[in-house]
Amino acid sequence: MLHSRLLQYIDEVARLGSIRAAGARLHVAPSAINRQILLLEAELDQPLFERLPRGMRLTPAGEALVAHIRQTLRQYRETVADIRDLRALGSGEVVIATMTGLASSVVATAASTFRARHPQVRISIRTMSTLDIVAAIENSEADLGLGFNIPSSTQLEVCWQMNTRLGVVVSPHHPLAQSDTVPLARCTPFPLILADRSMVIHGIVAEAFANADLDIQPAFHTNSIETMKRLAMSGEAIAFLSEFDIAEELRDGRLVFRPVRDAFSVNIISLVRREKHAHGLAGLLLADEIGTTLRPAEPRPATRVEDHDGRAHR
């Protein structure tokens, strides 16, 4: 790898078009800069600069090298900044905007693991709707956003994304827990837990039953993901959620997820942050932790985005 000083020499000569000007800028003798460039040109067996009467001009080989040099220098500066940030990582706050089901499962698990390593960092977890998550990130009111079917935005950078579908969620002792996949019609004899009409998830499930020409009378309606999970754990009731909604319960064996055959469309879970924004190291590390927590449940690569929920009760 090229010596860091030589990287700076070549970069400055390319910017200023003059070895003498580069030497003045870097407080280095022009002869020393010229000698280093000549040695490198001899090693590469081709010129990096055209020597002109009024200065220096990059050759095609020099242009390729300078592009690499500038990327290397930029990465080096970012790494140095991260190392310095590590000293200050013991304090501060990370705000994550997410949905209720994800807050109580994936985000809570990742936040606990993260804070065990960085106990002085405060983590604020705020539950809200999809559109409110986008607004919170765009307005810098939150550092990270995690939700289903977050619409694309020029101001958002996607850190992680994966497809998921709603499915049958039941206790491990439920009769349907023994099936690999569940036809929607097999759900109707059991008590059904449906999201209330304030949640878009209600429309997704209701539409699936209508398309299957199945008339249902749900036993429970609620706008709380936590309540849905508790009801499913307590008996033979069936909830319709995603694997990510019940990530912790899946790991603990308290709930079982079974795909429903050809009933629900693909939804996308995304972890986002502000595009072209100075991200704190704590936020980046928490994003990595959330991604690690999500990966065990990854079902399929993501392909498209749809609106999934208009409230804070996904």
C-alpha atoms as a PDB file:
ATOM      1  CA  MET A   1       0.000   0.000   0.000  1.00  0.00           C
ATOM      2  CA  LEU A   2       1.182   3.535  -0.769  1.00  0.00           C
ATOM      3  CA  HIS A   3       2.660   5.530   2.116  1.00  0.00           C
ATOM      4  CA  SER A   4       0.177   8.051   3.514  1.00  0.00           C
ATOM      5  CA  ARG A   5       2.513  11.000   2.844  1.00  0.00           C
ATOM      6  CA  LEU A   6       2.905   9.991  -0.788  1.00  0.00           C
ATOM      7  CA  LEU A   7      -0.895   9.863  -1.085  1.00  0.00           C
ATOM      8  CA  GLN A   8      -1.044  13.463   0.080  1.00  0.00           C
ATOM      9  CA  TYR A   9       1.797  14.514  -2.221  1.00  0.00           C
ATOM     10  CA  ILE A  10       0.111  13.132  -5.331  1.00  0.00           C
ATOM     11  CA  ASP A  11      -3.326  14.457  -4.304  1.00  0.00           C
ATOM     12  CA  GLU A  12      -2.022  17.990  -3.771  1.00  0.00           C
ATOM     13  CA  VAL A  13       0.011  18.044  -6.988  1.00  0.00           C
ATOM     14  CA  ALA A  14      -3.080  16.874  -8.883  1.00  0.00           C
ATOM     15  CA  ARG A  15      -5.243  19.561  -7.234  1.00  0.00           C
ATOM     16  CA  LEU A  16      -2.791  22.432  -7.643  1.00  0.00           C
ATOM     17  CA  GLY A  17      -1.146  21.378 -10.910  1.00  0.00           C
ATOM     18  CA  SER A  18       2.287  22.222  -9.526  1.00  0.00           C
ATOM     19  CA  ILE A  19       4.917  20.462  -7.426  1.00  0.00           C
ATOM     20  CA  ARG A  20       6.128  23.814  -6.100  1.00  0.00           C
ATOM     21  CA  ALA A  21       2.605  24.834  -4.998  1.00  0.00           C
ATOM     22  CA  ALA A  22       2.018  21.424  -3.420  1.00  0.00           C
ATOM     23  CA  GLY A  23       5.296  21.737  -1.519  1.00  0.00           C
ATOM     24  CA  ALA A  24       4.290  25.151  -0.198  1.00  0.00           C
ATOM     25  CA  ARG A  25       0.895  23.850   0.884  1.00  0.00           C
ATOM     26  CA  LEU A  26       2.356  20.791   2.641  1.00  0.00           C
ATOM     27  CA  HIS A  27       5.515  22.528   3.934  1.00  0.00           C
ATOM     28  CA  VAL A  28       7.668  19.968   2.129  1.00  0.00           C
ATOM     29  CA  ALA A  29      10.580  20.622  -0.230  1.00  0.00           C
ATOM     30  CA  PRO A  30       9.400  20.357  -3.881  1.00  0.00           C
ATOM     31  CA  SER A  31      12.424  18.192  -4.645  1.00  0.00           C
ATOM     32  CA  ALA A  32      11.278  15.633  -2.037  1.00  0.00           C
ATOM     33  CA  ILE A  33       7.799  15.466  -3.592  1.00  0.00           C
ATOM     34  CA  ASN A  34       9.225  15.157  -7.098  1.00  0.00           C
ATOM     35  CA  ARG A  35      11.590  12.393  -6.007  1.00  0.00           C
ATOM     36  CA  GLN A  36       8.743  10.340  -4.476  1.00  0.00           C
ATOM     37  CA  ILE A  37       6.595  10.723  -7.591  1.00  0.00           C
ATOM     38  CA  LEU A  38       9.487   9.690  -9.859  1.00  0.00           C
ATOM     39  CA  LEU A  39      10.142   6.595  -7.730  1.00  0.00           C
ATOM     40  CA  LEU A  40       6.476   5.584  -7.924  1.00  0.00           C
ATOM     41  CA  GLU A  41       6.362   6.173 -11.693  1.00  0.00           C
ATOM     42  CA  ALA A  42       9.430   3.959 -12.062  1.00  0.00           C
ATOM     43  CA  GLU A  43       7.767   1.276  -9.955  1.00  0.00           C
ATOM     44  CA  LEU A  44       4.583   1.427 -12.045  1.00  0.00           C
ATOM     45  CA  ASP A  45       6.609   1.740 -15.281  1.00  0.00           C
ATOM     46  CA  GLN A  46       4.420   4.579 -16.578  1.00  0.00           C
ATOM     47  CA  PRO A  47       4.082   8.311 -15.968  1.00  0.00           C
ATOM     48  CA  LEU A  48       1.430   9.665 -13.628  1.00  0.00           C
ATOM     49  CA  PHE A  49       1.830  13.291 -14.696  1.00  0.00           C
ATOM     50  CA  GLU A  50       2.611  15.147 -17.909  1.00  0.00           C
ATOM     51  CA  ARG A  51       5.360  17.691 -17.218  1.00  0.00           C
ATOM     52  CA  LEU A  52       4.194  20.863 -18.953  1.00  0.00           C
ATOM     53  CA  PRO A  53       5.925  24.259 -19.180  1.00  0.00           C
ATOM     54  CA  ARG A  54       3.332  25.729 -16.807  1.00  0.00           C
ATOM     55  CA  GLY A  55       2.751  22.836 -14.443  1.00  0.00           C
ATOM     56  CA  MET A  56       1.705  19.205 -14.100  1.00  0.00           C
ATOM     57  CA  ARG A  57      -1.263  17.422 -15.662  1.00  0.00           C
ATOM     58  CA  LEU A  58      -2.501  13.931 -14.798  1.00  0.00           C
ATOM     59  CA  THR A  59      -2.125  11.126 -17.327  1.00  0.00           C
ATOM     60  CA  PRO A  60      -4.943   8.519 -17.585  1.00  0.00           C
ATOM     61  CA  ALA A  61      -2.940   6.302 -15.209  1.00  0.00           C
ATOM     62  CA  GLY A  62      -2.583   9.247 -12.839  1.00  0.00           C
ATOM     63  CA  GLU A  63      -6.333   9.945 -12.930  1.00  0.00           C
ATOM     64  CA  ALA A  64      -7.067   6.341 -11.979  1.00  0.00           C
ATOM     65  CA  LEU A  65      -4.539   6.489  -9.156  1.00  0.00           C
ATOM     66  CA  VAL A  66      -5.824   9.832  -7.820  1.00  0.00           C
ATOM     67  CA  ALA A  67      -9.406   8.498  -7.716  1.00  0.00           C
ATOM     68  CA  HIS A  68      -8.149   5.631  -5.557  1.00  0.00           C
ATOM     69  CA  ILE A  69      -6.059   7.980  -3.413  1.00  0.00           C
ATOM     70  CA  ARG A  70      -8.977  10.302  -2.690  1.00  0.00           C
ATOM     71  CA  GLN A  71     -11.250   7.412  -1.752  1.00  0.00           C
ATOM     72  CA  THR A  72      -8.521   6.027   0.520  1.00  0.00           C
ATOM     73  CA  LEU A  73      -7.931   9.390   2.190  1.00  0.00           C
ATOM     74  CA  ARG A  74     -11.673   9.905   2.701  1.00  0.00           C
ATOM     75  CA  GLN A  75     -12.055   6.457   4.277  1.00  0.00           C
ATOM     76  CA  TYR A  76      -9.026   7.120   6.470  1.00  0.00           C
ATOM     77  CA  ARG A  77     -10.497  10.409   7.717  1.00  0.00           C
ATOM     78  CA  GLU A  78     -13.830   8.712   8.439  1.00  0.00           C
ATOM     79  CA  THR A  79     -12.076   5.927  10.349  1.00  0.00           C
ATOM     80  CA  VAL A  80     -10.080   8.429  12.392  1.00  0.00           C
ATOM     81  CA  ALA A  81     -13.319  10.271  13.209  1.00  0.00           C
ATOM     82  CA  ASP A  82     -14.938   6.999  14.300  1.00  0.00           C
ATOM     83  CA  ILE A  83     -11.970   6.178  16.526  1.00  0.00           C
ATOM     84  CA  ARG A  84     -12.239   9.600  18.142  1.00  0.00           C
ATOM     85  CA  ASP A  85     -15.995   9.135  18.551  1.00  0.00           C
ATOM     86  CA  LEU A  86     -15.337   5.918  20.479  1.00  0.00           C
ATOM     87  CA  ARG A  87     -13.895   8.027  23.282  1.00  0.00           C
ATOM     88  CA  ALA A  88     -17.140   9.964  23.541  1.00  0.00           C
ATOM     89  CA  LEU A  89     -19.429   6.977  23.010  1.00  0.00           C
ATOM     90  CA  GLY A  90     -19.904   6.648  26.739  1.00  0.00           C
ATOM     91  CA  SER A  91     -22.549   9.366  26.665  1.00  0.00           C
ATOM     92  CA  GLY A  92     -25.276  10.709  24.398  1.00  0.00           C
ATOM     93  CA  GLU A  93     -28.635   9.528  23.127  1.00  0.00           C
ATOM     94  CA  VAL A  94     -29.914   7.527  20.166  1.00  0.00           C
ATOM     95  CA  VAL A  95     -33.552   7.958  19.150  1.00  0.00           C
ATOM     96  CA  ILE A  96     -35.248   5.234  17.123  1.00  0.00           C
ATOM     97  CA  ALA A  97     -38.720   5.602  15.622  1.00  0.00           C
ATOM     98  CA  THR A  98     -40.509   2.298  15.104  1.00  0.00           C
ATOM     99  CA  MET A  99     -43.821   0.427  15.335  1.00  0.00           C
ATOM    100  CA  THR A 100     -45.337  -1.121  18.435  1.00  0.00           C
ATOM    101  CA  GLY A 101     -44.735  -4.783  17.589  1.00  0.00           C
ATOM    102  CA  LEU A 102     -41.146  -4.160  16.552  1.00  0.00           C
ATOM    103  CA  ALA A 103     -40.502  -1.938  19.582  1.00  0.00           C
ATOM    104  CA  SER A 104     -41.451  -4.694  22.000  1.00  0.00           C
ATOM    105  CA  SER A 105     -39.521  -7.418  20.182  1.00  0.00           C
ATOM    106  CA  VAL A 106     -36.653  -6.650  17.819  1.00  0.00           C
ATOM    107  CA  VAL A 107     -35.833  -3.136  19.031  1.00  0.00           C
ATOM    108  CA  ALA A 108     -36.060  -4.008  22.725  1.00  0.00           C
ATOM    109  CA  THR A 109     -33.714  -6.972  22.263  1.00  0.00           C
ATOM    110  CA  ALA A 110     -31.180  -4.990  20.222  1.00  0.00           C
ATOM    111  CA  ALA A 111     -31.312  -2.009  22.582  1.00  0.00           C
ATOM    112  CA  SER A 112     -30.691  -4.204  25.630  1.00  0.00           C
ATOM    113  CA  THR A 113     -27.700  -5.891  23.999  1.00  0.00           C
ATOM    114  CA  PHE A 114     -26.292  -2.560  22.812  1.00  0.00           C
ATOM    115  CA  ARG A 115     -26.643  -0.838  26.177  1.00  0.00           C
ATOM    116  CA  ALA A 116     -24.934  -3.714  28.005  1.00  0.00           C
ATOM    117  CA  ARG A 117     -21.796  -2.742  26.057  1.00  0.00           C
ATOM    118  CA  HIS A 118     -22.384   1.029  26.178  1.00  0.00           C
ATOM    119  CA  PRO A 119     -24.186   1.672  29.479  1.00  0.00           C
ATOM    120  CA  GLN A 120     -23.903   5.481  29.344  1.00  0.00           C
ATOM    121  CA  VAL A 121     -25.764   5.826  26.033  1.00  0.00           C
ATOM    122  CA  ARG A 122     -29.464   6.626  26.409  1.00  0.00           C
ATOM    123  CA  ILE A 123     -31.792   4.934  23.924  1.00  0.00           C
ATOM    124  CA  SER A 124     -35.182   6.484  23.239  1.00  0.00           C
ATOM    125  CA  ILE A 125     -37.701   4.173  21.531  1.00  0.00           C
ATOM    126  CA  ARG A 126     -40.718   5.951  20.073  1.00  0.00           C
ATOM    127  CA  THR A 127     -43.641   4.111  18.471  1.00  0.00           C
ATOM    128  CA  MET A 128     -45.470   5.746  15.596  1.00  0.00           C
ATOM    129  CA  SER A 129     -47.025   5.200  12.181  1.00  0.00           C
ATOM    130  CA  THR A 130     -45.120   4.602   8.949  1.00  0.00           C
ATOM    131  CA  LEU A 131     -45.527   8.161   7.721  1.00  0.00           C
ATOM    132  CA  ASP A 132     -44.583   9.562  11.119  1.00  0.00           C
ATOM    133  CA  ILE A 133     -41.396   7.459  11.091  1.00  0.00           C
ATOM    134  CA  VAL A 134     -40.436   8.999   7.745  1.00  0.00           C
ATOM    135  CA  ALA A 135     -41.171  12.509   9.021  1.00  0.00           C
ATOM    136  CA  ALA A 136     -39.178  11.927  12.218  1.00  0.00           C
ATOM    137  CA  ILE A 137     -36.102  10.839  10.247  1.00  0.00           C
ATOM    138  CA  GLU A 138     -36.404  13.609   7.659  1.00  0.00           C
ATOM    139  CA  ASN A 139     -36.772  16.246  10.389  1.00  0.00           C
ATOM    140  CA  SER A 140     -33.839  14.799  12.385  1.00  0.00           C
ATOM    141  CA  GLU A 141     -36.165  14.046  15.310  1.00  0.00           C
ATOM    142  CA  ALA A 142     -34.982  10.415  15.243  1.00  0.00           C
ATOM    143  CA  ASP A 143     -31.631   8.857  14.341  1.00  0.00           C
ATOM    144  CA  LEU A 144     -33.029   5.552  13.058  1.00  0.00           C
ATOM    145  CA  GLY A 145     -36.368   4.324  11.751  1.00  0.00           C
ATOM    146  CA  LEU A 146     -37.593   0.728  11.664  1.00  0.00           C
ATOM    147  CA  GLY A 147     -40.928  -0.197  10.133  1.00  0.00           C
ATOM    148  CA  PHE A 148     -42.932  -2.036   7.532  1.00  0.00           C
ATOM    149  CA  ASN A 149     -43.254  -0.694   3.991  1.00  0.00           C
ATOM    150  CA  ILE A 150     -41.532   2.614   4.610  1.00  0.00           C
ATOM    151  CA  PRO A 151     -41.981   4.639   1.401  1.00  0.00           C
ATOM    152  CA  SER A 152     -38.863   5.620  -0.489  1.00  0.00           C
ATOM    153  CA  SER A 153     -37.539   9.134  -0.015  1.00  0.00           C
ATOM    154  CA  THR A 154     -34.530  10.991  -1.353  1.00  0.00           C
ATOM    155  CA  GLN A 155     -33.789  11.964   2.253  1.00  0.00           C
ATOM    156  CA  LEU A 156     -33.714   8.381   3.550  1.00  0.00           C
ATOM    157  CA  GLU A 157     -30.864   5.892   3.392  1.00  0.00           C
ATOM    158  CA  VAL A 158     -31.807   2.219   3.723  1.00  0.00           C
ATOM    159  CA  CYS A 159     -29.454   0.417   6.122  1.00  0.00           C
ATOM    160  CA  TRP A 160     -31.177  -2.969   5.926  1.00  0.00           C
ATOM    161  CA  GLN A 161     -34.252  -4.361   4.196  1.00  0.00           C
ATOM    162  CA  MET A 162     -36.027  -7.699   3.950  1.00  0.00           C
ATOM    163  CA  ASN A 163     -39.310  -9.143   2.689  1.00  0.00           C
ATOM    164  CA  THR A 164     -41.835 -10.652   5.057  1.00  0.00           C
ATOM    165  CA  ARG A 165     -45.464 -11.754   4.991  1.00  0.00           C
ATOM    166  CA  LEU A 166     -48.203 -11.951   7.541  1.00  0.00           C
ATOM    167  CA  GLY A 167     -48.892 -15.481   8.747  1.00  0.00           C
ATOM    168  CA  VAL A 168     -50.715 -17.484  11.380  1.00  0.00           C
ATOM    169  CA  VAL A 169     -49.356 -16.932  14.894  1.00  0.00           C
ATOM    170  CA  VAL A 170     -50.380 -19.515  17.498  1.00  0.00           C
ATOM    171  CA  SER A 171     -49.153 -21.123  20.688  1.00  0.00           C
ATOM    172  CA  PRO A 172     -46.817 -24.151  20.325  1.00  0.00           C
ATOM    173  CA  HIS A 173     -49.660 -26.399  21.553  1.00  0.00           C
ATOM    174  CA  HIS A 174     -52.162 -25.191  18.983  1.00  0.00           C
ATOM    175  CA  PRO A 175     -53.381 -27.834  16.466  1.00  0.00           C
ATOM    176  CA  LEU A 176     -52.198 -25.654  13.556  1.00  0.00           C
ATOM    177  CA  ALA A 177     -48.673 -25.469  14.993  1.00  0.00           C
ATOM    178  CA  GLN A 178     -47.996 -28.932  13.540  1.00  0.00           C
ATOM    179  CA  SER A 179     -48.590 -27.787   9.946  1.00  0.00           C
ATOM    180  CA  ASP A 180     -45.852 -26.422   7.688  1.00  0.00           C
ATOM    181  CA  THR A 181     -48.300 -24.056   5.976  1.00  0.00           C
ATOM    182  CA  VAL A 182     -51.914 -23.275   6.790  1.00  0.00           C
ATOM    183  CA  PRO A 183     -54.801 -22.802   4.324  1.00  0.00           C
ATOM    184  CA  LEU A 184     -56.856 -19.787   5.368  1.00  0.00           C
ATOM    185  CA  ALA A 185     -59.986 -21.942   5.594  1.00  0.00           C
ATOM    186  CA  ARG A 186     -58.425 -24.010   8.401  1.00  0.00           C
ATOM    187  CA  CYS A 187     -58.307 -20.916  10.609  1.00  0.00           C
ATOM    188  CA  THR A 188     -62.053 -20.282  10.688  1.00  0.00           C
ATOM    189  CA  PRO A 189     -63.019 -22.891  13.349  1.00  0.00           C
ATOM    190  CA  PHE A 190     -60.701 -21.229  15.897  1.00  0.00           C
ATOM    191  CA  PRO A 191     -61.118 -17.930  17.772  1.00  0.00           C
ATOM    192  CA  LEU A 192     -59.629 -15.231  15.555  1.00  0.00           C
ATOM    193  CA  ILE A 193     -57.732 -12.163  16.773  1.00  0.00           C
ATOM    194  CA  LEU A 194     -58.055  -9.278  14.333  1.00  0.00           C
ATOM    195  CA  ALA A 195     -56.597  -5.810  14.393  1.00  0.00           C
ATOM    196  CA  ASP A 196     -59.281  -3.178  14.738  1.00  0.00           C
ATOM    197  CA  ARG A 197     -60.252  -0.914  11.858  1.00  0.00           C
ATOM    198  CA  SER A 198     -57.850   1.817  12.946  1.00  0.00           C
ATOM    199  CA  MET A 199     -54.957  -0.327  11.701  1.00  0.00           C
ATOM    200  CA  VAL A 200     -54.142  -1.033   8.043  1.00  0.00           C
ATOM    201  CA  ILE A 201     -53.276  -4.604   9.013  1.00  0.00           C
ATOM    202  CA  HIS A 202     -57.044  -5.052   9.569  1.00  0.00           C
ATOM    203  CA  GLY A 203     -57.720  -4.384   5.894  1.00  0.00           C
ATOM    204  CA  ILE A 204     -55.006  -6.810   4.770  1.00  0.00           C
ATOM    205  CA  VAL A 205     -56.443  -9.675   6.809  1.00  0.00           C
ATOM    206  CA  ALA A 206     -60.100  -8.854   6.061  1.00  0.00           C
ATOM    207  CA  GLU A 207     -59.358  -8.672   2.337  1.00  0.00           C
ATOM    208  CA  ALA A 208     -57.647 -12.076   2.410  1.00  0.00           C
ATOM    209  CA  PHE A 209     -60.690 -13.729   3.981  1.00  0.00           C
ATOM    210  CA  ALA A 210     -63.043 -11.933   1.566  1.00  0.00           C
ATOM    211  CA  ASN A 211     -60.978 -13.039  -1.447  1.00  0.00           C
ATOM    212  CA  ALA A 212     -61.153 -16.618  -0.140  1.00  0.00           C
ATOM    213  CA  ASP A 213     -64.957 -16.233   0.177  1.00  0.00           C
ATOM    214  CA  LEU A 214     -64.768 -16.985   3.896  1.00  0.00           C
ATOM    215  CA  ASP A 215     -67.205 -15.337   6.300  1.00  0.00           C
ATOM    216  CA  ILE A 216     -65.648 -14.798   9.731  1.00  0.00           C
ATOM    217  CA  GLN A 217     -66.749 -13.545  13.147  1.00  0.00           C
ATOM    218  CA  PRO A 218     -63.552 -12.617  15.025  1.00  0.00           C
ATOM    219  CA  ALA A 219     -63.498 -13.357  18.746  1.00  0.00           C
ATOM    220  CA  PHE A 220     -61.163 -10.438  19.511  1.00  0.00           C
ATOM    221  CA  HIS A 221     -60.451  -6.983  18.105  1.00  0.00           C
ATOM    222  CA  THR A 222     -57.523  -4.893  19.351  1.00  0.00           C
ATOM    223  CA  ASN A 223     -55.162  -2.160  18.215  1.00  0.00           C
ATOM    224  CA  SER A 224     -52.314  -3.595  20.309  1.00  0.00           C
ATOM    225  CA  ILE A 225     -49.748  -6.016  18.899  1.00  0.00           C
ATOM    226  CA  GLU A 226     -48.805  -7.006  22.461  1.00  0.00           C
ATOM    227  CA  THR A 227     -52.415  -7.933  23.215  1.00  0.00           C
ATOM    228  CA  MET A 228     -52.596 -10.022  20.033  1.00  0.00           C
ATOM    229  CA  LYS A 229     -49.513 -11.951  21.091  1.00  0.00           C
ATOM    230  CA  ARG A 230     -50.783 -12.498  24.652  1.00  0.00           C
ATOM    231  CA  LEU A 231     -54.129 -13.764  23.423  1.00  0.00           C
ATOM    232  CA  ALA A 232     -52.439 -16.177  20.988  1.00  0.00           C
ATOM    233  CA  MET A 233     -50.178 -17.513  23.761  1.00  0.00           C
ATOM    234  CA  SER A 234     -53.051 -18.117  26.143  1.00  0.00           C
ATOM    235  CA  GLY A 235     -55.118 -20.657  24.215  1.00  0.00           C
ATOM    236  CA  GLU A 236     -56.409 -21.614  20.768  1.00  0.00           C
ATOM    237  CA  ALA A 237     -56.862 -18.097  19.412  1.00  0.00           C
ATOM    238  CA  ILE A 238     -55.091 -17.201  16.141  1.00  0.00           C
ATOM    239  CA  ALA A 239     -53.354 -13.899  15.405  1.00  0.00           C
ATOM    240  CA  PHE A 240     -52.132 -12.725  12.006  1.00  0.00           C
ATOM    241  CA  LEU A 241     -48.713 -11.099  12.314  1.00  0.00           C
ATOM    242  CA  SER A 242     -45.248 -11.235  10.762  1.00  0.00           C
ATOM    243  CA  GLU A 243     -42.247 -13.181  12.009  1.00  0.00           C
ATOM    244  CA  PHE A 244     -40.580  -9.895  12.963  1.00  0.00           C
ATOM    245  CA  ASP A 245     -43.516  -8.911  15.186  1.00  0.00           C
ATOM    246  CA  ILE A 246     -42.921 -12.009  17.293  1.00  0.00           C
ATOM    247  CA  ALA A 247     -39.121 -12.333  16.971  1.00  0.00           C
ATOM    248  CA  GLU A 248     -38.526 -12.679  20.715  1.00  0.00           C
ATOM    249  CA  GLU A 249     -41.428 -15.089  21.227  1.00  0.00           C
ATOM    250  CA  LEU A 250     -40.179 -17.217  18.331  1.00  0.00           C
ATOM    251  CA  ARG A 251     -36.718 -17.468  19.876  1.00  0.00           C
ATOM    252  CA  ASP A 252     -38.190 -18.350  23.261  1.00  0.00           C
ATOM    253  CA  GLY A 253     -40.605 -20.906  21.809  1.00  0.00           C
ATOM    254  CA  ARG A 254     -43.648 -19.092  23.232  1.00  0.00           C
ATOM    255  CA  LEU A 255     -45.270 -18.616  19.820  1.00  0.00           C
ATOM    256  CA  VAL A 256     -45.182 -20.375  16.460  1.00  0.00           C
ATOM    257  CA  PHE A 257     -45.389 -18.722  13.036  1.00  0.00           C
ATOM    258  CA  ARG A 258     -46.870 -20.597  10.074  1.00  0.00           C
ATOM    259  CA  PRO A 259     -47.149 -19.188   6.522  1.00  0.00           C
ATOM    260  CA  VAL A 260     -50.635 -18.934   5.044  1.00  0.00           C
ATOM    261  CA  ARG A 261     -50.957 -20.304   1.524  1.00  0.00           C
ATOM    262  CA  ASP A 262     -51.413 -17.557  -1.103  1.00  0.00           C
ATOM    263  CA  ALA A 263     -53.294 -15.216   1.215  1.00  0.00           C
ATOM    264  CA  PHE A 264     -51.121 -12.242   2.078  1.00  0.00           C
ATOM    265  CA  SER A 265     -49.013  -9.948  -0.089  1.00  0.00           C
ATOM    266  CA  VAL A 266     -45.337  -9.325   0.523  1.00  0.00           C
ATOM    267  CA  ASN A 267     -44.454  -6.568   2.979  1.00  0.00           C
ATOM    268  CA  ILE A 268     -41.020  -5.064   3.523  1.00  0.00           C
ATOM    269  CA  ILE A 269     -39.349  -4.311   6.820  1.00  0.00           C
ATOM    270  CA  SER A 270     -36.751  -1.545   6.540  1.00  0.00           C
ATOM    271  CA  LEU A 271     -34.187   0.050   8.810  1.00  0.00           C
ATOM    272  CA  VAL A 272     -33.529   3.617   7.638  1.00  0.00           C
ATOM    273  CA  ARG A 273     -31.620   6.735   8.623  1.00  0.00           C
ATOM    274  CA  ARG A 274     -31.210  10.245   7.243  1.00  0.00           C
ATOM    275  CA  GLU A 275     -29.388  10.401   3.899  1.00  0.00           C
ATOM    276  CA  LYS A 276     -26.284  12.639   3.752  1.00  0.00           C
ATOM    277  CA  HIS A 277     -26.505  13.356   7.453  1.00  0.00           C
ATOM    278  CA  ALA A 278     -23.676  13.270   9.976  1.00  0.00           C
ATOM    279  CA  HIS A 279     -24.459   9.987  11.730  1.00  0.00           C
ATOM    280  CA  GLY A 280     -23.166   9.535  15.246  1.00  0.00           C
ATOM    281  CA  LEU A 281     -21.189   6.397  15.885  1.00  0.00           C
ATOM    282  CA  ALA A 282     -23.655   5.277  18.574  1.00  0.00           C
ATOM    283  CA  GLY A 283     -26.479   5.367  16.029  1.00  0.00           C
ATOM    284  CA  LEU A 284     -24.464   3.394  13.492  1.00  0.00           C
ATOM    285  CA  LEU A 285     -23.561   0.753  16.065  1.00  0.00           C
ATOM    286  CA  LEU A 286     -27.174   0.460  17.210  1.00  0.00           C
ATOM    287  CA  ALA A 287     -28.234   0.057  13.561  1.00  0.00           C
ATOM    288  CA  ASP A 288     -25.761  -2.828  13.238  1.00  0.00           C
ATOM    289  CA  GLU A 289     -27.160  -4.395  16.405  1.00  0.00           C
ATOM    290  CA  ILE A 290     -30.736  -4.145  15.118  1.00  0.00           C
ATOM    291  CA  GLY A 291     -29.678  -5.727  11.825  1.00  0.00           C
ATOM    292  CA  THR A 292     -28.004  -8.579  13.710  1.00  0.00           C
ATOM    293  CA  THR A 293     -31.149  -9.115  15.770  1.00  0.00           C
ATOM    294  CA  LEU A 294     -33.335  -9.185  12.660  1.00  0.00           C
ATOM    295  CA  ARG A 295     -31.193 -11.572  10.598  1.00  0.00           C
ATOM    296  CA  PRO A 296     -32.151 -14.872  12.272  1.00  0.00           C
ATOM    297  CA  ALA A 297     -35.715 -14.367  11.021  1.00  0.00           C
ATOM    298  CA  GLU A 298     -34.803 -13.292   7.477  1.00  0.00           C
ATOM    299  CA  PRO A 299     -37.190 -15.030   5.095  1.00  0.00           C
ATOM    300  CA  ARG A 300     -36.532 -13.562   1.613  1.00  0.00           C
ATOM    301  CA  PRO A 301     -34.671 -10.711  -0.101  1.00  0.00           C
ATOM    302  CA  ALA A 302     -36.696  -7.516  -0.526  1.00  0.00           C
ATOM    303  CA  THR A 303     -38.038  -6.442  -3.893  1.00  0.00           C
ATOM    304  CA  ARG A 304     -40.698  -3.773  -3.517  1.00  0.00           C
ATOM    305  CA  VAL A 305     -42.365  -1.412  -1.057  1.00  0.00           C
ATOM    306  CA  GLU A 306     -46.047  -1.067  -0.125  1.00  0.00           C
ATOM    307  CA  ASP A 307     -47.837   0.923   2.575  1.00  0.00           C
ATOM    308  CA  HIS A 308     -48.552  -1.385   5.527  1.00  0.00           C
ATOM    309  CA  ASP A 309     -49.724   0.713   8.426  1.00  0.00           C
ATOM    310  CA  GLY A 310     -50.975   4.208   8.939  1.00  0.00           C
ATOM    311  CA  ARG A 311     -50.899   4.206  12.776  1.00  0.00           C
ATOM    312  CA  ALA A 312     -48.512   3.687  15.617  1.00  0.00           C
ATOM    313  CA  HIS A 313     -49.891   0.219  16.272  1.00  0.00           C
ATOM    314  CA  ARG A 314     -48.382  -1.887  13.494  1.00  0.00           C
END
